[in-house]
Amino acid sequence: MVQNATCQRHPVAAIWRFWPVLLGPMVMLYVYLAEKLGHLQSFGRSSNECIALLLLAAPTIGFIVQAFIFRSEFHLFMLVLCAAFFCREWHFPGTSQGIYVTLAVLVLWAVKRKDKFETLVKNSPLEVWLWSTFWTYLLSQLIARRAFRSLHLPSEELMHVFLEESVETTGHLMMIVICIIAWKKSAEHKKQSI
């Protein structure tokens, strides 16, 4: 509640709390800087895919534990989301199409249970990080589909794979942050209800 009061008095604070949405574009700038410095290969597909499974295993395991401890539908939802991304990064047959089916089911689930999820998420850092992560993953998919060709980004044809993989990896890291924030928020929520 203190955070909301601060944001109401200071409009800049309300905007600034959404700084995580800048992480994807910042990573894009960092990849361009690495290209200028001759270190672009560090941001390639193989580098990012090597760590993607590890990065997604952490929130997947974290949400398994949280779903067991807190018995919350939100944690189960996040577990399914992280597990879907984990399976997609594993690249076994069916995951390319399966991720879209899973995401569609999750969207329907979230819409149907919006009120239930909002009790844990609304007006909290968890909400900020969820939206920021969504926009980061969306940005990575726009890059993968070459949506920025028309903007004439420098070396877009050469850079789009490096940019997409790096921004997607940023999304994976953000899922770890969400897992940690959800744990903290749920523990506080559980204490208040006792």
Protein backbone atom coordinates (compact mmCIF):
# COMPACT_ATOMS: atom_id res chain seq x y z
CA MET A 1 0.00 0.00 0.00
CA VAL A 2 2.90 2.38 0.72
CA GLN A 3 4.13 1.90 -2.84
CA ASN A 4 0.75 2.94 -4.27
CA ALA A 5 0.58 6.04 -2.04
CA THR A 6 4.08 7.05 -3.15
CA CYS A 7 3.15 6.57 -6.80
CA GLN A 8 0.01 8.69 -6.40
CA ARG A 9 1.98 11.58 -4.93
CA HIS A 10 4.88 11.30 -7.36
CA PRO A 11 3.92 10.56 -10.98
CA VAL A 12 7.57 9.98 -11.87
CA ALA A 13 7.71 7.21 -9.26
CA ALA A 14 4.67 5.59 -10.88
CA ILE A 15 6.41 5.56 -14.25
CA TRP A 16 9.82 4.61 -12.85
CA ARG A 17 8.49 1.46 -11.17
CA PHE A 18 8.08 0.05 -14.69
CA TRP A 19 11.83 0.25 -15.41
CA PRO A 20 12.06 -3.55 -16.03
CA VAL A 21 10.21 -3.06 -19.32
CA LEU A 22 13.41 -1.37 -20.53
CA LEU A 23 15.53 -4.50 -20.04
CA GLY A 24 14.81 -5.94 -23.50
CA PRO A 25 15.68 -2.74 -25.38
CA MET A 26 18.75 -2.28 -23.16
CA VAL A 27 19.96 -5.77 -24.08
CA MET A 28 19.45 -4.89 -27.75
CA LEU A 29 21.73 -1.87 -27.29
CA TYR A 30 24.26 -4.05 -25.47
CA VAL A 31 24.31 -6.54 -28.36
CA TYR A 32 24.93 -3.68 -30.80
CA LEU A 33 27.76 -2.47 -28.58
CA ALA A 34 29.23 -5.98 -28.49
CA GLU A 35 29.09 -6.07 -32.29
CA LYS A 36 31.00 -2.78 -32.49
CA LEU A 37 33.61 -4.13 -30.07
CA GLY A 38 33.97 -7.41 -31.98
CA HIS A 39 32.37 -9.68 -29.36
CA LEU A 40 29.16 -10.53 -31.18
CA GLN A 41 29.70 -14.31 -31.12
CA SER A 42 29.15 -14.29 -27.35
CA PHE A 43 25.50 -13.46 -28.06
CA GLY A 44 24.84 -16.12 -30.68
CA ARG A 45 22.23 -18.83 -30.72
CA SER A 46 24.51 -21.54 -29.32
CA SER A 47 25.65 -19.39 -26.38
CA ASN A 48 22.11 -18.43 -25.44
CA GLU A 49 20.60 -21.87 -25.96
CA CYS A 50 23.28 -23.45 -23.76
CA ILE A 51 22.13 -21.43 -20.77
CA ALA A 52 18.40 -21.24 -21.62
CA LEU A 53 17.59 -24.66 -20.14
CA LEU A 54 19.39 -23.82 -16.91
CA LEU A 55 17.76 -20.42 -16.67
CA LEU A 56 14.28 -21.88 -17.21
CA ALA A 57 14.89 -24.85 -14.94
CA ALA A 58 15.29 -22.49 -11.98
CA PRO A 59 11.81 -20.88 -12.10
CA THR A 60 10.23 -24.18 -13.13
CA ILE A 61 11.62 -25.88 -10.03
CA GLY A 62 10.86 -22.77 -7.97
CA PHE A 63 7.22 -22.80 -9.01
CA ILE A 64 6.95 -26.55 -8.38
CA VAL A 65 8.04 -25.89 -4.80
CA GLN A 66 5.77 -22.84 -4.47
CA ALA A 67 2.76 -24.69 -5.89
CA PHE A 68 3.33 -27.41 -3.31
CA ILE A 69 3.88 -25.02 -0.37
CA PHE A 70 1.31 -22.31 -1.11
CA ARG A 71 -1.30 -24.45 -2.90
CA SER A 72 -2.05 -21.48 -5.12
CA GLU A 73 -3.58 -21.51 -8.57
CA PHE A 74 -1.28 -18.65 -9.57
CA HIS A 75 1.79 -20.74 -8.78
CA LEU A 76 0.38 -23.65 -10.75
CA PHE A 77 -0.26 -21.28 -13.68
CA MET A 78 3.31 -20.00 -13.54
CA LEU A 79 4.63 -23.57 -13.27
CA VAL A 80 2.80 -24.52 -16.48
CA LEU A 81 4.13 -21.39 -18.22
CA CYS A 82 7.74 -22.00 -17.15
CA ALA A 83 7.50 -25.71 -17.99
CA ALA A 84 6.16 -24.84 -21.46
CA PHE A 85 9.06 -22.47 -22.09
CA PHE A 86 11.49 -25.07 -20.73
CA CYS A 87 10.14 -27.74 -23.08
CA ARG A 88 10.27 -25.29 -25.99
CA GLU A 89 13.93 -24.56 -25.30
CA TRP A 90 14.62 -28.29 -25.14
CA HIS A 91 13.63 -28.47 -28.81
CA PHE A 92 12.08 -31.92 -28.85
CA PRO A 93 9.40 -32.75 -31.48
CA GLY A 94 6.08 -30.99 -31.00
CA THR A 95 7.29 -28.14 -28.83
CA SER A 96 7.35 -25.61 -31.66
CA GLN A 97 3.59 -25.91 -32.15
CA GLY A 98 2.88 -27.03 -28.59
CA ILE A 99 4.04 -23.74 -27.10
CA TYR A 100 1.32 -21.86 -28.99
CA VAL A 101 -1.38 -24.27 -27.84
CA THR A 102 -0.13 -24.02 -24.25
CA LEU A 103 0.00 -20.22 -24.39
CA ALA A 104 -3.56 -20.10 -25.77
CA VAL A 105 -4.79 -22.32 -22.93
CA LEU A 106 -2.93 -20.16 -20.40
CA VAL A 107 -4.47 -16.97 -21.80
CA LEU A 108 -7.94 -18.50 -21.47
CA TRP A 109 -7.11 -19.65 -17.94
CA ALA A 110 -5.83 -16.19 -16.97
CA VAL A 111 -8.90 -14.45 -18.39
CA LYS A 112 -11.28 -16.85 -16.65
CA ARG A 113 -9.48 -16.62 -13.29
CA LYS A 114 -8.43 -12.96 -13.52
CA ASP A 115 -10.04 -11.99 -10.20
CA LYS A 116 -8.30 -14.84 -8.37
CA PHE A 117 -4.88 -13.93 -9.80
CA GLU A 118 -5.30 -10.21 -9.17
CA THR A 119 -5.45 -10.70 -5.39
CA LEU A 120 -1.81 -11.75 -5.43
CA VAL A 121 -0.56 -9.68 -8.36
CA LYS A 122 -2.40 -6.36 -8.60
CA ASN A 123 -0.44 -3.17 -7.80
CA SER A 124 2.71 -5.00 -6.79
CA PRO A 125 6.23 -5.48 -8.10
CA LEU A 126 5.04 -8.91 -9.26
CA GLU A 127 2.59 -7.24 -11.66
CA VAL A 128 5.34 -4.97 -13.00
CA TRP A 129 7.70 -7.87 -13.60
CA LEU A 130 4.99 -10.03 -15.20
CA TRP A 131 4.08 -7.30 -17.69
CA SER A 132 7.73 -6.44 -18.33
CA THR A 133 8.56 -10.08 -18.98
CA PHE A 134 5.59 -10.38 -21.33
CA TRP A 135 6.80 -7.36 -23.32
CA THR A 136 10.37 -8.71 -23.36
CA TYR A 137 9.26 -12.08 -24.77
CA LEU A 138 7.02 -10.27 -27.27
CA LEU A 139 9.97 -8.12 -28.33
CA SER A 140 12.09 -11.24 -28.88
CA GLN A 141 9.38 -12.75 -31.08
CA LEU A 142 9.00 -9.53 -33.07
CA ILE A 143 12.76 -9.57 -33.66
CA ALA A 144 12.64 -13.26 -34.66
CA ARG A 145 9.93 -12.49 -37.23
CA ARG A 146 12.02 -9.57 -38.53
CA ALA A 147 9.34 -7.01 -37.67
CA PHE A 148 11.97 -4.29 -37.34
CA ARG A 149 13.25 -4.53 -40.93
CA SER A 150 11.07 -1.58 -41.87
CA LEU A 151 12.70 0.54 -39.12
CA HIS A 152 16.06 0.08 -40.83
CA LEU A 153 17.90 -0.94 -37.69
CA PRO A 154 21.63 -1.02 -38.33
CA SER A 155 22.74 -4.41 -39.69
CA GLU A 156 19.30 -5.88 -38.95
CA GLU A 157 19.82 -8.76 -41.39
CA LEU A 158 23.06 -9.78 -39.67
CA MET A 159 21.97 -8.96 -36.12
CA HIS A 160 18.40 -10.25 -35.79
CA VAL A 161 19.36 -13.73 -34.53
CA PHE A 162 21.78 -12.31 -31.96
CA LEU A 163 19.21 -9.76 -30.83
CA GLU A 164 16.35 -12.26 -30.63
CA GLU A 165 18.30 -14.87 -28.68
CA SER A 166 19.71 -12.30 -26.24
CA VAL A 167 16.35 -10.63 -25.60
CA GLU A 168 14.73 -14.05 -25.13
CA THR A 169 17.43 -15.00 -22.63
CA THR A 170 16.67 -11.76 -20.80
CA GLY A 171 13.04 -12.92 -20.59
CA HIS A 172 14.23 -16.20 -19.07
CA LEU A 173 16.23 -14.29 -16.45
CA MET A 174 13.17 -12.18 -15.71
CA MET A 175 11.20 -15.38 -15.01
CA ILE A 176 13.67 -16.12 -12.22
CA VAL A 177 13.01 -12.67 -10.76
CA ILE A 178 9.25 -13.32 -10.98
CA CYS A 179 9.72 -16.62 -9.16
CA ILE A 180 11.61 -14.91 -6.33
CA ILE A 181 9.10 -12.05 -6.05
CA ALA A 182 6.18 -14.51 -6.11
CA TRP A 183 7.78 -16.50 -3.29
CA LYS A 184 8.21 -13.38 -1.18
CA LYS A 185 4.73 -12.04 -1.96
CA SER A 186 3.08 -15.39 -1.25
CA ALA A 187 4.94 -15.81 2.03
CA GLU A 188 3.77 -12.33 3.12
CA HIS A 189 0.22 -13.08 1.97
CA LYS A 190 0.23 -16.37 3.89
CA LYS A 191 1.47 -14.66 7.08
CA GLN A 192 -1.29 -12.02 6.84
CA SER A 193 -3.99 -14.64 6.47
CA ILE A 194 -2.89 -16.53 9.60
